[in-house]
Protein backbone atom coordinates (compact mmCIF):
# COMPACT_ATOMS: atom_id res chain seq x y z
CA MET A 1 -74.05 22.26 -138.06
CA ASP A 2 -74.70 19.49 -135.54
CA HIS A 3 -77.42 20.41 -133.03
CA SER A 4 -75.21 19.54 -130.06
CA ILE A 5 -72.62 22.02 -131.32
CA GLU A 6 -75.29 24.72 -131.73
CA PHE A 7 -76.49 23.99 -128.20
CA GLU A 8 -72.99 24.40 -126.70
CA LEU A 9 -72.37 27.46 -128.88
CA SER A 10 -75.51 29.10 -127.47
CA LYS A 11 -73.92 29.05 -124.01
CA LEU A 12 -70.96 31.16 -125.07
CA ASP A 13 -70.70 34.91 -125.56
CA PRO A 14 -72.67 35.72 -128.75
CA SER A 15 -70.74 38.95 -129.26
CA ILE A 16 -67.62 36.91 -130.12
CA PRO A 17 -67.95 35.61 -133.70
CA PHE A 18 -67.60 31.91 -134.52
CA ARG A 19 -66.57 31.92 -138.18
CA ALA A 20 -67.13 28.30 -139.21
CA SER A 21 -68.14 26.56 -142.43
CA THR A 22 -69.13 22.96 -143.07
CA THR A 23 -68.17 22.60 -146.75
CA HIS A 24 -64.40 23.05 -146.77
CA LEU A 25 -62.22 20.53 -148.60
CA HIS A 26 -58.70 20.54 -147.22
CA SER A 27 -55.75 19.41 -149.29
CA THR A 28 -52.02 19.39 -148.85
CA TRP A 29 -50.16 21.84 -151.10
CA ALA A 30 -48.99 18.94 -153.27
CA LYS A 31 -52.52 17.46 -153.53
CA THR A 32 -51.24 14.22 -152.00
CA LEU A 33 -54.09 14.04 -149.47
CA TYR A 34 -57.57 15.47 -149.07
CA SER A 35 -59.86 15.57 -146.05
CA ARG A 36 -63.19 17.15 -145.16
CA PRO A 37 -63.25 18.65 -141.67
CA GLU A 38 -66.59 18.72 -139.89
CA LEU A 39 -65.99 22.43 -139.27
CA TYR A 40 -63.47 24.79 -140.86
CA ILE A 41 -62.93 27.78 -138.56
CA ARG A 42 -61.16 31.06 -139.41
CA PRO A 43 -60.84 33.23 -136.28
CA GLN A 44 -59.66 36.82 -136.41
CA SER A 45 -58.96 37.48 -132.73
CA LEU A 46 -57.61 35.82 -129.61
CA GLU A 47 -61.12 35.76 -128.17
CA GLU A 48 -62.37 33.85 -131.21
CA ILE A 49 -59.56 31.31 -130.87
CA GLN A 50 -60.42 30.84 -127.22
CA LYS A 51 -64.07 30.39 -128.08
CA THR A 52 -63.13 27.71 -130.63
CA VAL A 53 -60.89 25.83 -128.18
CA THR A 54 -63.55 25.97 -125.47
CA LEU A 55 -66.25 24.76 -127.83
CA ALA A 56 -64.07 21.93 -129.14
CA ARG A 57 -63.41 20.73 -125.62
CA ARG A 58 -67.08 20.88 -124.66
CA CYS A 59 -68.19 19.16 -127.87
CA ARG A 60 -65.48 16.49 -127.56
CA ARG A 61 -63.73 17.29 -130.83
CA ARG A 62 -60.14 17.18 -131.97
CA LEU A 63 -58.81 20.53 -133.24
CA VAL A 64 -56.21 20.81 -136.01
CA VAL A 65 -54.48 24.13 -136.72
CA VAL A 66 -53.40 24.50 -140.34
CA GLY A 67 -51.64 27.09 -142.48
CA CYS A 68 -50.74 26.49 -146.12
CA GLY A 69 -50.70 22.69 -145.74
CA HIS A 70 -47.25 22.48 -147.32
CA SER A 71 -46.42 19.18 -145.63
CA PRO A 72 -47.30 16.37 -148.08
CA SER A 73 -48.01 13.99 -145.18
CA ASP A 74 -51.24 13.42 -143.24
CA LEU A 75 -50.05 15.63 -140.36
CA THR A 76 -52.84 18.17 -141.01
CA CYS A 77 -55.60 15.81 -142.18
CA THR A 78 -58.77 15.60 -140.10
CA SER A 79 -62.44 14.77 -140.21
CA ALA A 80 -62.92 16.71 -136.97
CA TRP A 81 -62.38 20.48 -136.62
CA MET A 82 -59.81 22.48 -138.54
CA MET A 83 -58.73 26.01 -137.62
CA ASN A 84 -56.94 28.23 -140.13
CA LEU A 85 -55.23 31.36 -138.78
CA ASP A 86 -54.68 33.23 -142.07
CA GLU A 87 -56.86 36.08 -140.78
CA PHE A 88 -55.05 36.16 -137.44
CA ASN A 89 -52.02 37.82 -138.99
CA LYS A 90 -51.28 41.24 -137.56
CA ILE A 91 -47.94 42.76 -136.60
CA LEU A 92 -48.43 43.72 -132.95
CA SER A 93 -45.24 45.63 -132.19
CA VAL A 94 -41.90 46.51 -133.76
CA ASP A 95 -38.76 47.59 -131.91
CA LYS A 96 -36.64 48.81 -134.84
CA GLU A 97 -33.60 49.51 -132.67
CA LYS A 98 -33.47 45.99 -131.22
CA GLY A 99 -35.00 44.29 -134.25
CA VAL A 100 -37.61 42.56 -132.09
CA VAL A 101 -41.03 42.01 -133.64
CA ILE A 102 -44.16 40.57 -132.02
CA MET A 103 -46.75 39.15 -134.42
CA GLN A 104 -49.87 37.04 -134.49
CA SER A 105 -49.03 33.47 -135.39
CA GLY A 106 -51.06 33.11 -138.58
CA ILE A 107 -49.07 35.61 -140.63
CA ARG A 108 -47.58 34.07 -143.78
CA LEU A 109 -43.86 34.51 -144.32
CA TYR A 110 -44.35 36.43 -147.56
CA THR A 111 -46.65 38.90 -145.79
CA LEU A 112 -44.20 39.16 -142.93
CA GLY A 113 -41.44 39.92 -145.44
CA ASP A 114 -43.51 42.69 -147.02
CA GLU A 115 -44.31 44.24 -143.64
CA MET A 116 -40.72 44.05 -142.41
CA LYS A 117 -39.41 45.71 -145.56
CA LYS A 118 -41.48 48.77 -144.66
CA VAL A 119 -39.50 49.17 -141.43
CA GLY A 120 -36.10 48.12 -142.80
CA LEU A 121 -36.01 44.63 -141.27
CA MET A 122 -36.18 41.01 -142.43
CA MET A 123 -35.79 37.47 -141.18
CA PRO A 124 -32.13 36.45 -140.87
CA ASN A 125 -32.64 33.25 -142.85
CA LEU A 126 -35.31 31.54 -144.92
CA GLY A 127 -36.12 28.09 -146.23
CA SER A 128 -36.86 27.38 -149.87
CA ILE A 129 -40.36 28.88 -149.78
CA ASP A 130 -42.19 31.66 -147.93
CA ASN A 131 -45.77 30.44 -148.22
CA GLN A 132 -45.96 28.98 -144.70
CA SER A 133 -47.29 30.72 -141.63
CA ILE A 134 -44.61 31.76 -139.17
CA ALA A 135 -45.86 29.25 -136.57
CA GLY A 136 -46.16 26.40 -139.05
CA ALA A 137 -42.66 27.02 -140.36
CA PHE A 138 -40.78 26.73 -137.08
CA ALA A 139 -43.15 24.13 -135.57
CA THR A 140 -41.91 21.62 -138.18
CA ALA A 141 -38.18 22.50 -137.87
CA THR A 142 -37.90 24.50 -141.11
CA HIS A 143 -34.35 25.55 -142.00
CA GLY A 144 -32.41 27.38 -144.69
CA SER A 145 -28.92 26.61 -146.01
CA SER A 146 -26.07 28.22 -144.13
CA THR A 147 -23.43 27.12 -141.65
CA ARG A 148 -23.94 30.50 -139.97
CA HIS A 149 -27.60 29.85 -139.19
CA GLY A 150 -29.64 27.11 -137.56
CA LEU A 151 -33.36 26.38 -137.66
CA LEU A 152 -35.83 29.22 -138.14
CA SER A 153 -36.84 28.66 -134.50
CA GLN A 154 -33.37 29.90 -133.49
CA SER A 155 -34.72 33.44 -133.92
CA VAL A 156 -37.87 32.86 -131.84
CA LEU A 157 -37.51 34.76 -128.56
CA ALA A 158 -40.87 34.02 -126.96
CA LEU A 159 -44.26 32.44 -127.64
CA SER A 160 -47.81 32.70 -126.41
CA ILE A 161 -49.71 29.42 -126.59
CA MET A 162 -53.36 28.70 -125.96
CA LEU A 163 -53.68 25.36 -124.24
CA ALA A 164 -56.55 22.90 -124.46
CA ASN A 165 -58.19 24.49 -121.41
CA GLY A 166 -58.43 27.86 -123.17
CA ARG A 167 -55.72 29.51 -121.14
CA THR A 168 -52.97 31.45 -122.91
CA VAL A 169 -49.48 30.84 -121.53
CA SER A 170 -46.25 32.69 -122.19
CA CYS A 171 -42.97 30.84 -122.63
CA SER A 172 -39.40 31.64 -123.62
CA ALA A 173 -35.82 30.69 -122.85
CA ASP A 174 -36.35 32.26 -119.40
CA GLN A 175 -39.99 31.43 -118.70
CA ASN A 176 -41.72 28.02 -118.85
CA VAL A 177 -38.62 26.61 -120.53
CA ASP A 178 -39.94 23.06 -121.00
CA LEU A 179 -43.04 24.34 -122.74
CA PHE A 180 -40.90 26.61 -124.92
CA ARG A 181 -38.64 23.74 -125.98
CA ALA A 182 -41.63 21.55 -126.76
CA ALA A 183 -43.46 24.25 -128.70
CA LEU A 184 -40.49 25.28 -130.87
CA VAL A 185 -41.04 22.02 -132.76
CA SER A 186 -44.59 21.29 -131.62
CA LEU A 187 -45.87 19.38 -134.67
CA GLY A 188 -49.27 20.89 -133.84
CA ALA A 189 -49.69 18.71 -130.75
CA ILE A 190 -49.02 21.14 -127.88
CA GLY A 191 -51.67 23.84 -128.31
CA VAL A 192 -52.49 26.83 -130.49
CA ILE A 193 -49.50 29.15 -130.85
CA THR A 194 -51.04 32.62 -130.87
CA GLU A 195 -48.15 35.12 -130.68
CA VAL A 196 -44.52 34.96 -131.77
CA THR A 197 -41.71 37.25 -130.65
CA PHE A 198 -39.01 37.12 -133.30
CA GLN A 199 -35.50 38.50 -133.68
CA MET A 200 -35.14 40.25 -137.05
CA VAL A 201 -32.05 41.73 -138.71
CA PRO A 202 -31.60 44.84 -140.88
CA ASN A 203 -32.96 44.36 -144.38
CA PHE A 204 -30.31 43.19 -146.85
CA ASN A 205 -29.69 42.31 -150.48
CA ILE A 206 -27.71 39.29 -151.54
CA GLU A 207 -25.37 38.86 -154.48
CA TRP A 208 -25.48 35.26 -155.61
CA GLU A 209 -23.56 33.13 -158.04
CA GLN A 210 -24.32 29.65 -159.30
CA SER A 211 -21.95 27.47 -161.28
CA LEU A 212 -22.19 24.04 -162.93
CA GLN A 213 -19.50 21.69 -161.62
CA PRO A 214 -18.58 18.01 -161.77
CA LEU A 215 -19.91 16.18 -158.73
CA GLN A 216 -16.42 14.90 -157.89
CA ARG A 217 -15.09 18.47 -157.61
CA VAL A 218 -17.84 19.27 -155.10
CA LEU A 219 -16.96 16.18 -153.05
CA ASP A 220 -13.25 17.08 -153.18
CA GLN A 221 -14.03 20.54 -151.75
CA TRP A 222 -16.42 19.19 -149.12
CA ASN A 223 -14.10 19.54 -146.13
CA GLY A 224 -12.52 22.71 -147.47
CA GLU A 225 -14.31 25.90 -148.29
CA LEU A 226 -17.40 24.49 -150.03
CA TRP A 227 -19.80 25.29 -147.20
CA THR A 228 -17.96 28.28 -145.72
CA GLN A 229 -17.15 30.30 -148.86
CA ALA A 230 -20.25 32.48 -148.33
CA GLU A 231 -22.95 33.02 -145.74
CA PHE A 232 -25.51 31.10 -147.80
CA VAL A 233 -24.56 27.99 -149.80
CA ARG A 234 -26.61 25.19 -151.31
CA VAL A 235 -26.07 22.51 -153.93
CA TRP A 236 -28.34 20.88 -156.47
CA TRP A 237 -27.09 17.41 -157.30
CA TRP A 238 -27.90 15.87 -160.69
CA PRO A 239 -27.17 12.14 -160.20
CA TYR A 240 -27.25 10.75 -163.74
CA GLY A 241 -24.89 13.34 -165.23
CA ARG A 242 -22.78 13.30 -162.06
CA LYS A 243 -22.93 17.07 -161.95
CA ALA A 244 -23.88 19.65 -159.36
CA VAL A 245 -24.89 23.28 -159.33
CA VAL A 246 -23.22 25.17 -156.48
CA TRP A 247 -25.16 28.27 -155.40
CA LYS A 248 -23.57 30.76 -153.01
CA ALA A 249 -24.73 34.16 -151.77
CA ALA A 250 -23.36 36.95 -149.61
CA LYS A 251 -24.94 40.11 -148.26
CA THR A 252 -24.23 43.20 -150.31
CA SER A 253 -25.00 46.91 -150.51
CA LYS A 254 -25.22 46.73 -154.31
CA ASP A 255 -28.43 47.62 -156.11
CA GLU A 256 -30.60 44.86 -157.43
CA ARG A 257 -29.51 43.21 -160.68
CA PRO A 258 -31.94 40.62 -162.07
CA VAL A 259 -30.76 37.25 -163.32
CA GLU A 260 -30.45 36.88 -167.06
CA SER A 261 -33.45 35.03 -168.41
CA ASN A 262 -33.96 32.82 -171.44
CA TRP A 263 -36.95 31.25 -173.10
CA TYR A 264 -36.60 28.07 -171.02
CA GLY A 265 -37.02 29.96 -167.77
CA SER A 266 -40.49 31.08 -168.86
CA THR A 267 -43.88 29.41 -168.93
CA VAL A 268 -42.73 27.41 -171.98
CA GLY A 269 -39.96 25.74 -170.00
CA PHE A 270 -42.25 25.07 -167.04
CA HIS A 271 -44.79 23.19 -169.13
CA THR A 272 -42.17 21.47 -171.31
CA TYR A 273 -40.52 19.94 -168.25
CA HIS A 274 -43.88 18.97 -166.78
CA ILE A 275 -44.92 17.11 -169.93
CA MET A 276 -41.56 15.34 -170.14
CA LEU A 277 -41.92 14.18 -166.53
CA TYR A 278 -45.38 12.87 -167.34
CA LEU A 279 -44.07 10.90 -170.33
CA ALA A 280 -41.43 9.38 -168.04
CA GLN A 281 -44.22 7.95 -165.89
CA TRP A 282 -44.75 5.48 -168.76
CA ILE A 283 -41.15 5.31 -169.98
CA PRO A 284 -38.95 5.81 -166.87
CA ARG A 285 -35.75 5.24 -168.86
CA LEU A 286 -36.24 8.71 -170.33
CA LEU A 287 -35.31 10.38 -167.03
CA PRO A 288 -31.50 10.46 -167.47
CA ALA A 289 -31.97 12.12 -170.88
CA ILE A 290 -34.54 14.53 -169.41
CA GLU A 291 -32.05 15.44 -166.67
CA TRP A 292 -29.34 16.19 -169.29
CA TYR A 293 -31.73 18.41 -171.23
CA VAL A 294 -33.03 20.32 -168.20
CA VAL A 295 -29.56 20.93 -166.76
CA GLY A 296 -28.34 22.19 -170.11
CA MET A 297 -31.26 24.50 -170.73
CA GLN A 298 -31.41 25.89 -167.19
CA PHE A 299 -27.76 25.96 -166.10
CA GLY A 300 -25.72 25.38 -169.25
CA PHE A 301 -24.34 22.42 -171.16
CA LYS A 302 -20.74 23.33 -170.37
CA ILE A 303 -18.99 22.73 -167.06
CA GLY A 304 -18.12 26.03 -165.43
CA THR A 305 -21.15 27.92 -166.75
CA THR A 306 -21.92 30.66 -164.24
CA LYS A 307 -24.85 32.97 -163.57
CA THR A 308 -25.06 35.84 -161.07
CA ALA A 309 -27.64 38.30 -159.76
CA VAL A 310 -28.33 40.73 -156.94
CA GLN A 311 -31.71 40.35 -155.25
CA GLU A 312 -33.49 41.20 -152.04
CA GLY A 313 -32.58 38.61 -149.44
CA ARG A 314 -36.24 37.86 -148.73
CA THR A 315 -36.77 36.72 -152.34
CA GLY A 316 -33.30 35.67 -153.47
CA LEU A 317 -33.06 32.94 -150.82
CA LEU A 318 -36.20 31.25 -152.15
CA MET A 319 -36.63 28.71 -154.92
CA ASP A 320 -39.54 27.56 -157.09
CA CYS A 321 -40.91 24.16 -156.05
CA LEU A 322 -42.46 23.80 -159.52
CA TYR A 323 -44.92 20.89 -159.36
CA SER A 324 -46.75 18.64 -156.95
CA GLN A 325 -44.15 16.45 -155.28
CA ARG A 326 -43.22 13.90 -152.68
CA VAL A 327 -40.32 15.03 -150.51
CA ASN A 328 -38.18 12.86 -148.26
CA GLU A 329 -35.54 14.91 -146.47
CA TRP A 330 -33.04 13.73 -143.89
CA ALA A 331 -30.56 15.43 -141.58
CA ILE A 332 -27.16 13.78 -141.02
CA PRO A 333 -23.78 14.99 -139.73
CA LEU A 334 -22.14 17.15 -142.41
CA GLU A 335 -18.95 15.08 -142.53
CA LYS A 336 -20.89 12.01 -143.70
CA GLY A 337 -22.08 13.76 -146.85
CA PRO A 338 -19.45 12.48 -149.32
CA GLU A 339 -19.98 8.86 -148.32
CA VAL A 340 -23.77 9.12 -148.54
CA ILE A 341 -23.74 10.92 -151.89
CA SER A 342 -21.20 8.46 -153.34
CA ARG A 343 -23.20 5.43 -152.24
CA ILE A 344 -26.51 6.74 -153.53
CA SER A 345 -24.82 7.76 -156.77
CA LYS A 346 -23.51 4.21 -157.24
CA TRP A 347 -26.91 2.74 -156.42
CA LEU A 348 -28.65 4.93 -159.00
CA GLN A 349 -26.00 3.89 -161.54
CA ASN A 350 -26.96 0.22 -160.88
CA GLU A 351 -23.78 -0.48 -158.94
CA GLN A 352 -25.65 -2.08 -156.05
CA GLU A 353 -22.84 -4.20 -154.64
CA SER A 354 -20.38 -1.32 -154.26
CA SER A 355 -23.13 0.95 -152.88
CA GLY A 356 -23.79 -1.38 -149.96
CA ILE A 357 -27.52 -0.63 -150.16
CA PRO A 358 -29.55 -3.87 -149.89
CA PHE A 359 -32.29 -2.92 -152.37
CA ASP A 360 -32.32 -3.78 -156.05
CA PRO A 361 -31.94 -0.59 -158.14
CA LYS A 362 -32.92 -2.29 -161.38
CA GLY A 363 -35.67 -0.32 -163.09
CA VAL A 364 -35.50 2.56 -160.61
CA PHE A 365 -35.25 5.95 -162.32
CA VAL A 366 -35.65 9.09 -160.25
CA HIS A 367 -36.22 12.80 -160.62
CA ALA A 368 -33.60 15.46 -160.06
CA PRO A 369 -32.13 17.49 -158.62
CA ILE A 370 -31.46 16.20 -155.13
CA GLU A 371 -31.26 19.30 -152.94
CA VAL A 372 -28.27 19.53 -150.59
CA ARG A 373 -28.33 22.12 -147.78
CA VAL A 374 -26.65 22.79 -144.43
CA SER A 375 -27.19 24.41 -141.05
CA ASP A 376 -25.36 24.69 -137.76
CA THR A 377 -27.40 24.65 -134.57
CA THR A 378 -24.53 24.10 -132.14
CA PRO A 379 -24.89 27.62 -130.61
CA THR A 380 -28.65 27.19 -130.15
CA THR A 381 -29.88 27.31 -126.57
CA PRO A 382 -32.27 26.12 -125.44
CA ARG A 383 -32.66 23.49 -128.16
CA PRO A 384 -36.11 22.28 -129.18
CA PHE A 385 -36.77 18.83 -127.77
CA LEU A 386 -37.51 17.52 -131.28
CA ASP A 387 -34.67 19.32 -133.05
CA ASN A 388 -33.58 16.88 -135.77
CA THR A 389 -30.16 18.47 -136.34
CA THR A 390 -26.73 17.41 -135.11
CA ALA A 391 -26.05 18.93 -131.69
CA ASP A 392 -22.23 18.92 -131.84
CA GLY A 393 -21.47 20.09 -135.38
CA PRO A 394 -22.92 21.26 -138.70
CA THR A 395 -25.87 19.38 -140.18
CA LEU A 396 -26.33 18.25 -143.78
CA TYR A 397 -29.81 17.97 -145.30
CA LEU A 398 -30.46 15.77 -148.31
CA ASN A 399 -33.87 16.31 -149.90
CA PHE A 400 -34.96 13.52 -152.24
CA THR A 401 -37.78 15.01 -154.28
CA LEU A 402 -40.02 13.03 -156.61
CA TYR A 403 -42.35 15.12 -158.72
CA ARG A 404 -45.96 14.08 -159.22
CA PRO A 405 -46.68 15.19 -162.81
CA PHE A 406 -50.37 16.02 -163.07
CA ASN A 407 -50.76 14.80 -159.47
CA ARG A 408 -49.66 11.20 -160.15
CA ASP A 409 -46.98 9.43 -158.09
CA PRO A 410 -43.94 8.15 -160.04
CA PRO A 411 -43.32 4.38 -160.27
CA ALA A 412 -39.98 4.57 -158.42
CA LEU A 413 -41.49 6.04 -155.26
CA GLU A 414 -41.60 3.05 -152.92
CA ARG A 415 -38.25 1.39 -153.68
CA TYR A 416 -36.33 4.67 -153.96
CA TYR A 417 -37.51 5.89 -150.59
CA GLU A 418 -36.92 2.49 -148.97
CA ALA A 419 -33.30 2.56 -150.16
CA VAL A 420 -32.73 6.18 -149.16
CA GLU A 421 -34.22 5.75 -145.70
CA TRP A 422 -32.23 2.58 -145.05
CA LEU A 423 -28.98 4.40 -145.79
CA MET A 424 -29.97 7.55 -143.88
CA LYS A 425 -30.73 5.50 -140.78
CA GLU A 426 -27.41 3.66 -141.11
CA MET A 427 -25.68 7.08 -141.21
CA GLY A 428 -27.37 8.21 -137.99
CA GLY A 429 -29.86 10.43 -139.81
CA ARG A 430 -33.19 11.84 -138.72
CA PRO A 431 -36.08 12.62 -141.10
CA HIS A 432 -37.62 16.05 -141.57
CA TRP A 433 -40.80 15.99 -139.51
CA ALA A 434 -43.10 17.45 -142.17
CA LYS A 435 -42.05 15.28 -145.10
CA ASN A 436 -42.66 11.83 -146.57
CA PHE A 437 -40.63 9.38 -144.50
CA THR A 438 -42.21 5.94 -144.77
CA THR A 439 -40.16 3.29 -142.96
CA VAL A 440 -39.31 4.88 -139.60
CA SER A 441 -40.91 3.18 -136.60
CA LYS A 442 -41.70 4.86 -133.30
CA GLU A 443 -39.06 2.63 -131.71
CA GLU A 444 -36.50 4.11 -134.09
CA PHE A 445 -37.68 7.62 -133.24
CA ARG A 446 -37.17 6.79 -129.58
CA LYS A 447 -33.57 5.77 -130.28
CA MET A 448 -33.00 8.92 -132.34
CA TYR A 449 -34.29 11.34 -129.69
CA GLY A 450 -33.96 9.48 -126.39
CA GLU A 451 -34.85 11.49 -123.32
CA ASN A 452 -35.67 14.57 -125.42
CA LEU A 453 -38.64 12.68 -126.83
CA ASP A 454 -39.62 11.71 -123.29
CA HIS A 455 -39.52 15.37 -122.24
CA TRP A 456 -41.65 16.38 -125.25
CA LEU A 457 -44.20 13.67 -124.54
CA ARG A 458 -44.44 14.67 -120.87
CA VAL A 459 -45.06 18.32 -121.74
CA ARG A 460 -47.63 17.31 -124.35
CA GLU A 461 -49.46 15.12 -121.83
CA ASP A 462 -49.38 17.81 -119.15
CA VAL A 463 -50.86 20.59 -121.29
CA ASP A 464 -53.30 18.47 -123.33
CA PRO A 465 -54.20 15.36 -121.31
CA GLU A 466 -57.27 14.56 -123.42
CA GLY A 467 -55.48 14.79 -126.75
CA MET A 468 -57.42 17.66 -128.33
CA PHE A 469 -54.44 18.27 -130.64
CA VAL A 470 -53.50 14.61 -131.24
CA GLY A 471 -54.09 12.76 -134.50
CA ASP A 472 -53.17 9.50 -136.12
CA TRP A 473 -49.83 10.88 -137.34
CA HIS A 474 -48.75 11.58 -133.75
CA ARG A 475 -49.96 8.21 -132.52
CA ARG A 476 -48.25 6.34 -135.37
CA ASN A 477 -44.88 8.05 -134.97
CA LEU A 478 -44.46 9.37 -131.44
CA LEU A 479 -46.95 8.29 -128.80
CA PRO A 480 -45.87 5.18 -126.86
CA ASP A 481 -47.88 2.00 -127.32
CA THR A 482 -48.40 1.89 -123.55
CA LEU A 483 -50.41 5.13 -123.66
CA PRO A 484 -54.14 4.38 -123.90
CA THR A 485 -56.23 6.08 -126.56
CA LEU A 486 -56.90 9.66 -125.48
CA ALA A 487 -60.46 10.95 -125.12
CA LEU A 488 -60.31 13.45 -128.02
CA GLU A 489 -57.68 11.72 -130.13
CA GLU A 490 -58.52 11.16 -133.78
CA LYS A 491 -57.50 7.99 -135.61
CA GLU A 492 -57.31 7.32 -139.30
CA GLN A 493 -60.26 5.24 -140.42
CA LYS A 494 -59.47 4.70 -144.10
CA ARG A 495 -58.07 6.19 -147.29
CA GLU A 496 -59.57 6.11 -150.75
CA ASN A 497 -58.07 7.02 -154.10
CA ALA A 498 -59.07 10.53 -155.16
CA SER A 499 -60.31 11.00 -158.71
CA GLY A 500 -57.67 13.60 -159.61
CA GLY A 501 -54.77 11.78 -157.94
CA GLY A 502 -53.80 11.55 -154.30
CA GLU A 503 -55.97 10.08 -151.57
CA ASN A 504 -59.06 11.03 -149.58
CA TRP A 505 -58.34 10.70 -145.87
CA PHE A 506 -61.03 9.80 -143.32
CA GLY A 507 -60.65 9.96 -139.56
CA LYS A 508 -62.73 9.04 -136.57
CA SER A 509 -62.62 10.47 -133.06
CA ALA A 510 -61.78 8.02 -130.34
CA SER A 511 -64.68 9.14 -128.17
CA LYS A 512 -67.28 11.90 -127.99
CA THR A 513 -68.63 10.95 -124.59
CA PRO A 514 -68.02 13.23 -121.61
CA SER A 515 -65.35 12.31 -119.12
CA SER A 516 -66.34 11.48 -115.55
CA LYS A 517 -64.28 14.51 -114.54
CA GLY A 518 -66.44 16.94 -116.51
CA SER A 519 -69.95 18.31 -116.68
CA GLU A 520 -72.43 16.01 -118.41
CA GLU A 521 -74.58 19.00 -119.33
CA SER A 522 -71.87 20.93 -121.14
CA PHE A 523 -69.43 18.14 -122.05
CA ASP A 524 -66.85 20.51 -120.58
CA LEU A 525 -63.87 18.78 -119.03
CA VAL A 526 -62.30 21.75 -117.29
CA TYR A 527 -58.53 21.50 -116.88
CA GLY A 528 -57.92 24.76 -115.08
CA ALA A 529 -59.38 28.13 -115.89
CA GLU A 530 -61.12 29.18 -119.07
CA ALA A 531 -59.22 32.43 -118.73
CA GLU A 532 -58.35 35.22 -121.11
CA SER A 533 -55.39 36.45 -119.12
CA LEU A 534 -51.76 35.69 -119.94
CA THR A 535 -50.11 33.31 -117.51
CA LEU A 536 -46.47 33.72 -116.50
CA LEU A 537 -44.59 31.19 -114.41
CA PRO A 538 -41.28 31.40 -112.55
CA LYS A 539 -38.10 30.65 -114.48
CA GLN A 540 -37.35 26.92 -114.61
CA GLU A 541 -35.19 24.37 -116.34
CA SER A 542 -36.14 20.98 -117.81
CA SER A 543 -37.01 19.26 -114.56
CA GLN A 544 -39.75 17.64 -112.57
CA HIS A 545 -40.43 21.09 -111.09
CA GLY A 546 -41.05 22.39 -114.62
CA ARG A 547 -43.45 19.56 -115.26
CA ASN A 548 -45.30 20.23 -112.03
CA GLU A 549 -45.75 23.89 -112.96
CA LEU A 550 -47.19 22.98 -116.37
CA ASN A 551 -49.43 20.44 -114.72
CA ARG A 552 -50.68 23.16 -112.38
CA ILE A 553 -51.70 25.29 -115.35
CA ALA A 554 -53.42 22.45 -117.14
CA VAL A 555 -55.31 20.54 -114.47
CA SER A 556 -56.14 22.76 -111.48
CA GLU A 557 -59.95 22.76 -111.17
CA ASP A 558 -60.12 25.26 -108.29
CA GLU A 559 -59.36 28.11 -110.77
CA GLU A 560 -62.41 27.44 -112.95
CA GLU A 561 -64.04 30.50 -114.54
CA GLU A 562 -66.92 30.89 -116.93
CA LEU A 563 -66.41 32.49 -120.33
């Protein structure tokens, strides 16, 4: 450990552990990117988190909070300090009658599901996986697939957030509203979310049914009952065969009934598909035939083939992501779905002119399925500032997945995603924050989010003026060009090809010199109190008054305390 860090550490309470290692190699779940943080810190208490934040500020280091690293982008990459909250994962209180649960923010969704089952509760909705931490899931606008549910953050009632000055602040729909709206989709740039108050529902089973249908039948039913026939509905679109699997599920009191299995659904099928995808890296024209084979083996070769099962909701709503992958997901108004699907279908069938997409599809062969899901956030209040859904109607999500067999990117990656993103932007779409969008400029983000982005940026600046939680991803996509480099901001220095596939990411801090506002001896720029107490502010709306109150928390030097 650097001597200057040891020196600053010696000034803090030695009875509070500082659990840090210097040898951690971080990778995204999909092995798309790797980075080596200077320190990898795993706190187990609020006091340890506060000690880490204080030390990072005094040592002039950026701090990245990470969970499972499921985002395949560089959002969590750092060469500075990384804090993992897997061991900060306790259930703090349960009100079974009201269904309100308070938990530490590092708890993984699968652990939360296990704990809630013990008390007869569960989350009302889930995304495709449950490996994320609760804070990481809603901070990137995770969603499920139901017109009766919105984002996961819709069930968040209140948050506690540790700011860059070490103070923990409470926020909710009634308290510190601007901070709450910014933190609900924080992208890791607001502070360290430490506690989450969440609205659960009684534990339930689901009875689901999936059927293989012609794509045209799905499009014909689009404005009818397709998305309203059950509480949970999603579609897997197979573009070359022009087929779709429609999956629907409803709550039930029936006992569990497992899905019928066959040999293909076992380890044999998993590895067979993986090897076929790898062969297609060299012979891309195999992919339409591979799609036909996989659909037939997994869902049936005959239109109308149906499978059903009864499962626990907390497991039945999930799906297997299979292999390392690139994912490029967009949210558009639901009513635009048939046009978008038809145009992409034509483009993939080499009908470029009728598709209206100005990119040559020749030689482009892609993986399937394309995942199609929905949500409806119109009842949500207050809305997160960076909510990417449609505010005045249901939202459609199209997830264009490209597998990376044996951690190698497919040859169609660049042109496929260019074409998809061009069309999604033409349709008024917004990309999923945690996924692999590649052609969206910060000017386009400004047009997409307007004054909501301005509000988010103002809150971020007020609570973290030095940029302790800011990295190159935030600068590249969100921070205005007029904003000077922040004192603790980290910028990408370079990338190098990794030996096993993916890239090694290297960053460099903008500055490690003390600010003129701080103490030269301790490198401690004190924005307000280094306090352990919870801070509550009067109720406020999104306004200049709200900003002033946040500013008071973050920058008042007359409240300075020593740890």
